[in-house]
Every structure is written in C-alpha cells, then in structure tokens.
Amino acid sequence: YIPFDEKAGRFIAHDNDKGNMAKQADTELLAYPLQFTLPGRDMGQIYRNTLNYYGPKVSPKGPAMTHSAHAVIHARLGDCDKAYAAFHRCYKPYFRGGLNYFNETASEVRTNYCFLTGCAGPIQSVLFGLAGARMDYFPEDPSATEIRFTPCIPKQWKSITITGVQWRGKEYDVSIDRNNKVTKTPVASNST
C-alpha cells in the first residue's frame, strides 16, 4: 500500500499526513531510487508534485543523502539548474578537517572518520542524475535491458566522461557533451 493524495497528485508519507518537517528525504525516495510507478499515470508530474511538496520540508541539518536523491530526481525531471544546486548541497557542507572527511550531517564536526555511505551520494548524483544513467527495475518491455543515458548537463559543465562502464557482459566508455549528446565507445576486451 502506497498512500497517495489524488487531489494534489502526489505520494504522501502516510494516511492523514499533515506535511510536517522530516529529518531526511523519505516520500521522495519513491521517485528515486525506487522508481515506483502507477500504471497509466504521468509519473513525471507525480514525482515533481511529491518533490515540490516534501523537498522544502526536510531538515537543513539532515543527512547528505537527501540532497543526493533530490539531485537525481530533479535531473530526471529535466530541471538541470535545480539538480546542479542539489548536487552541490549533497557534498560541500559535509567536508571536515584537513583531509575533507565526509560527515553524515552538515551539523557534525568530525575530522577523524569518513562517512562512506554519504560519499556515495555525490557519485549517484552525477552518474544517475546529471549523466542520466538509468536501468529500469521493471521495464515495460522485458527485452529493453540496456542501460540508458538521458543526461541533464548543467550549463557550468562542458561534458561528462565515464570510463569502464560494465553492463551485461559489455564494457564501454560514455561521453556526454554540453548538448547532452551521448557517445558510447566499446572498450576492447583484454582477454587472451
């Protein structure tokens, strides 16, 4: 059961939700990483409505993963400027100390350990958001199993290059230019 507000056209956190502040992204995670869909519905608009409603309700002192998820969702909705801003918010406030250790929350001040799960968020923001890598968990066409790229390159960047992408026995490098043109270059096999 996934609670849904038909009138507002968005997912809700729970029945009788009053839109209270939250520690971190929660309802938005139905859009990414879950990619939950309702058959026959405009999921882009539902994801946008959900993000626009819950995005401003997360704690500014919450964990970095919130902004990583928001960056991916904004990019997938084609909001490149918002995706780029969320990308910056998912890592810059979390660095501490001379070695830039990644802290779990922006309010933490720990310089002797690195919160590795938080470090994965900026990588996902670029790979699955700005570069637009996408694998359908439940494709409508079961033969459509290739990884796709629908990029949202911010105007501040010239390109993105991802090397060594391995997917279903194939390996290639991916280049995305400023105009969101994607080029996949097969990598020669090193087997003898």
Protein backbone atom coordinates (compact mmCIF):
# COMPACT_ATOMS: atom_id res chain seq x y z
CA TYR A 1 0.00 0.00 0.00
CA ILE A 2 1.44 3.35 -1.08
CA PRO A 3 -0.51 6.36 0.25
CA PHE A 4 -1.48 8.81 -2.50
CA ASP A 5 -3.25 12.18 -2.48
CA GLU A 6 -5.44 12.15 -5.60
CA LYS A 7 -6.40 15.81 -5.31
CA ALA A 8 -2.78 17.04 -5.08
CA GLY A 9 -1.46 14.37 -7.47
CA ARG A 10 1.39 13.28 -5.20
CA PHE A 11 2.54 10.49 -2.95
CA ILE A 12 2.12 11.14 0.77
CA ALA A 13 4.20 9.93 3.68
CA HIS A 14 1.26 8.24 5.40
CA ASP A 15 -2.50 8.50 5.69
CA ASN A 16 -3.54 11.76 7.38
CA ASP A 17 -0.13 13.30 6.61
CA LYS A 18 -0.01 16.95 7.64
CA GLY A 19 3.23 17.80 5.83
CA ASN A 20 5.39 18.02 8.94
CA MET A 21 9.14 18.61 8.75
CA ALA A 22 11.20 15.44 8.25
CA LYS A 23 14.76 14.54 9.21
CA GLN A 24 15.56 13.49 5.63
CA ALA A 25 14.03 12.61 2.28
CA ASP A 26 11.53 9.81 2.64
CA THR A 27 8.45 10.06 0.43
CA GLU A 28 10.61 11.40 -2.42
CA LEU A 29 12.51 8.08 -2.44
CA LEU A 30 9.55 6.56 -4.29
CA ALA A 31 10.81 8.52 -7.33
CA TYR A 32 14.47 7.63 -6.76
CA PRO A 33 15.82 5.12 -6.08
CA LEU A 34 12.60 3.04 -6.10
CA GLN A 35 11.20 4.41 -9.40
CA PHE A 36 7.71 3.41 -8.23
CA THR A 37 5.07 3.82 -10.91
CA LEU A 38 1.30 3.89 -11.08
CA PRO A 39 0.02 2.37 -14.34
CA GLY A 40 -1.45 4.88 -16.76
CA ARG A 41 -0.36 7.93 -14.77
CA ASP A 42 2.00 10.81 -15.62
CA MET A 43 4.79 9.80 -13.24
CA GLY A 44 6.91 12.83 -14.11
CA GLN A 45 4.20 15.14 -12.78
CA ILE A 46 3.59 12.95 -9.73
CA TYR A 47 7.32 12.89 -8.91
CA ARG A 48 7.51 16.67 -9.39
CA ASN A 49 4.47 17.28 -7.16
CA THR A 50 5.90 14.98 -4.48
CA LEU A 51 9.36 16.58 -4.58
CA ASN A 52 7.99 20.13 -4.63
CA TYR A 53 5.86 19.38 -1.57
CA TYR A 54 8.28 17.36 0.56
CA GLY A 55 11.64 18.77 -0.61
CA PRO A 56 11.32 22.01 1.39
CA LYS A 57 10.17 20.06 4.46
CA VAL A 58 13.46 18.25 5.18
CA SER A 59 15.72 19.37 7.99
CA PRO A 60 18.60 21.59 6.87
CA LYS A 61 20.72 19.68 9.43
CA GLY A 62 19.76 16.30 7.98
CA PRO A 63 21.97 13.81 6.17
CA ALA A 64 23.58 14.36 2.78
CA MET A 65 21.59 11.58 1.13
CA THR A 66 18.55 13.84 0.96
CA HIS A 67 20.24 16.24 -1.44
CA SER A 68 21.73 13.38 -3.49
CA ALA A 69 18.27 11.91 -4.06
CA HIS A 70 16.85 15.35 -4.85
CA ALA A 71 19.67 15.96 -7.38
CA VAL A 72 18.82 12.73 -9.22
CA ILE A 73 15.08 13.41 -9.21
CA HIS A 74 15.50 17.00 -10.44
CA ALA A 75 17.83 15.81 -13.22
CA ARG A 76 15.42 13.09 -14.32
CA LEU A 77 12.65 15.70 -14.44
CA GLY A 78 14.86 17.89 -16.67
CA ASP A 79 15.43 20.58 -14.01
CA CYS A 80 19.19 20.84 -14.61
CA ASP A 81 19.74 24.01 -12.57
CA LYS A 82 17.95 22.55 -9.54
CA ALA A 83 19.82 19.25 -9.99
CA TYR A 84 23.15 21.08 -10.06
CA ALA A 85 22.27 23.08 -6.92
CA ALA A 86 21.21 19.90 -5.08
CA PHE A 87 24.44 18.21 -6.25
CA HIS A 88 26.47 20.95 -4.55
CA ARG A 89 24.32 20.69 -1.42
CA CYS A 90 24.94 16.92 -1.26
CA TYR A 91 28.66 17.24 -0.62
CA LYS A 92 30.01 20.74 0.10
CA PRO A 93 28.55 21.23 3.61
CA TYR A 94 29.71 17.78 4.74
CA PHE A 95 33.50 18.06 4.35
CA ARG A 96 35.53 18.45 7.56
CA GLY A 97 39.18 18.73 8.51
CA GLY A 98 42.36 18.96 6.50
CA LEU A 99 41.58 15.75 4.62
CA ASN A 100 37.98 16.74 3.83
CA TYR A 101 36.44 13.74 5.59
CA PHE A 102 32.78 13.34 4.73
CA ASN A 103 30.45 13.78 7.73
CA GLU A 104 26.97 12.29 7.90
CA THR A 105 25.22 15.58 8.64
CA ALA A 106 26.11 19.21 7.98
CA SER A 107 25.98 19.94 11.72
CA GLU A 108 28.59 17.28 12.61
CA VAL A 109 32.19 18.24 13.15
CA ARG A 110 34.22 15.05 13.00
CA THR A 111 37.64 15.10 11.41
CA ASN A 112 38.76 11.55 12.22
CA TYR A 113 36.46 9.36 10.13
CA CYS A 114 34.79 9.37 6.75
CA PHE A 115 31.08 8.53 6.39
CA LEU A 116 31.37 6.29 3.33
CA THR A 117 27.66 5.81 2.64
CA GLY A 118 27.34 9.59 2.44
CA CYS A 119 30.21 9.71 -0.05
CA ALA A 120 28.20 7.52 -2.42
CA GLY A 121 25.51 10.21 -2.76
CA PRO A 122 27.52 12.69 -4.85
CA ILE A 123 28.62 9.83 -7.11
CA GLN A 124 24.98 8.81 -7.62
CA SER A 125 24.05 12.46 -8.24
CA VAL A 126 26.45 12.58 -11.16
CA LEU A 127 26.03 9.05 -12.51
CA PHE A 128 22.25 8.58 -12.16
CA GLY A 129 21.29 12.26 -12.18
CA LEU A 130 23.41 14.62 -14.27
CA ALA A 131 24.77 11.88 -16.58
CA GLY A 132 21.34 10.25 -16.60
CA ALA A 133 22.32 6.57 -16.33
CA ARG A 134 19.19 4.51 -15.92
CA MET A 135 18.34 0.86 -15.63
CA ASP A 136 14.66 0.01 -15.38
CA TYR A 137 13.88 -2.27 -12.48
CA PHE A 138 10.59 -3.24 -14.08
CA PRO A 139 10.78 -2.40 -17.80
CA GLU A 140 7.53 -2.42 -19.76
CA ASP A 141 9.44 -4.25 -22.48
CA PRO A 142 11.43 -7.10 -20.81
CA SER A 143 13.86 -7.14 -23.76
CA ALA A 144 14.77 -3.49 -23.05
CA THR A 145 17.58 -4.29 -20.64
CA GLU A 146 20.26 -1.91 -21.88
CA ILE A 147 21.50 0.86 -19.64
CA ARG A 148 20.26 4.20 -20.99
CA PHE A 149 21.61 7.72 -20.54
CA THR A 150 19.27 10.71 -20.52
CA PRO A 151 21.63 13.43 -19.32
CA CYS A 152 20.95 16.79 -17.78
CA ILE A 153 24.32 18.54 -18.14
CA PRO A 154 24.47 21.74 -16.10
CA LYS A 155 25.41 24.84 -18.06
CA GLN A 156 28.53 25.21 -15.87
CA TRP A 157 30.00 21.96 -17.28
CA LYS A 158 31.37 21.24 -20.73
CA SER A 159 30.99 17.46 -20.59
CA ILE A 160 30.96 14.29 -18.52
CA THR A 161 33.09 11.24 -19.26
CA ILE A 162 32.51 7.92 -17.51
CA THR A 163 35.07 5.23 -18.21
CA GLY A 164 34.82 1.49 -17.84
CA VAL A 165 31.03 1.12 -17.69
CA GLN A 166 30.30 -2.59 -17.46
CA TRP A 167 26.82 -3.81 -18.17
CA ARG A 168 25.63 -7.32 -19.04
CA GLY A 169 29.00 -8.55 -20.29
CA LYS A 170 29.82 -5.40 -22.25
CA GLU A 171 32.26 -2.63 -21.36
CA TYR A 172 32.37 0.86 -22.79
CA ASP A 173 33.24 4.45 -22.07
CA VAL A 174 30.49 7.05 -22.11
CA SER A 175 31.00 10.68 -23.15
CA ILE A 176 28.27 13.28 -22.83
CA ASP A 177 28.78 16.72 -24.34
CA ARG A 178 27.29 20.07 -23.39
CA ASN A 179 24.33 19.45 -25.73
CA ASN A 180 23.52 16.17 -23.92
CA LYS A 181 24.75 14.07 -26.86
CA VAL A 182 25.73 10.62 -25.56
CA THR A 183 28.53 8.61 -27.18
CA LYS A 184 29.24 5.02 -26.08
CA THR A 185 32.65 3.70 -27.13
CA PRO A 186 33.20 -0.05 -26.72
CA VAL A 187 36.29 -0.98 -24.75
CA ALA A 188 38.39 -3.73 -26.30
CA SER A 189 38.43 -6.95 -24.31
CA ASN A 190 41.70 -7.72 -22.53
CA SER A 191 41.11 -11.48 -22.52
CA THR A 192 43.67 -13.67 -24.27
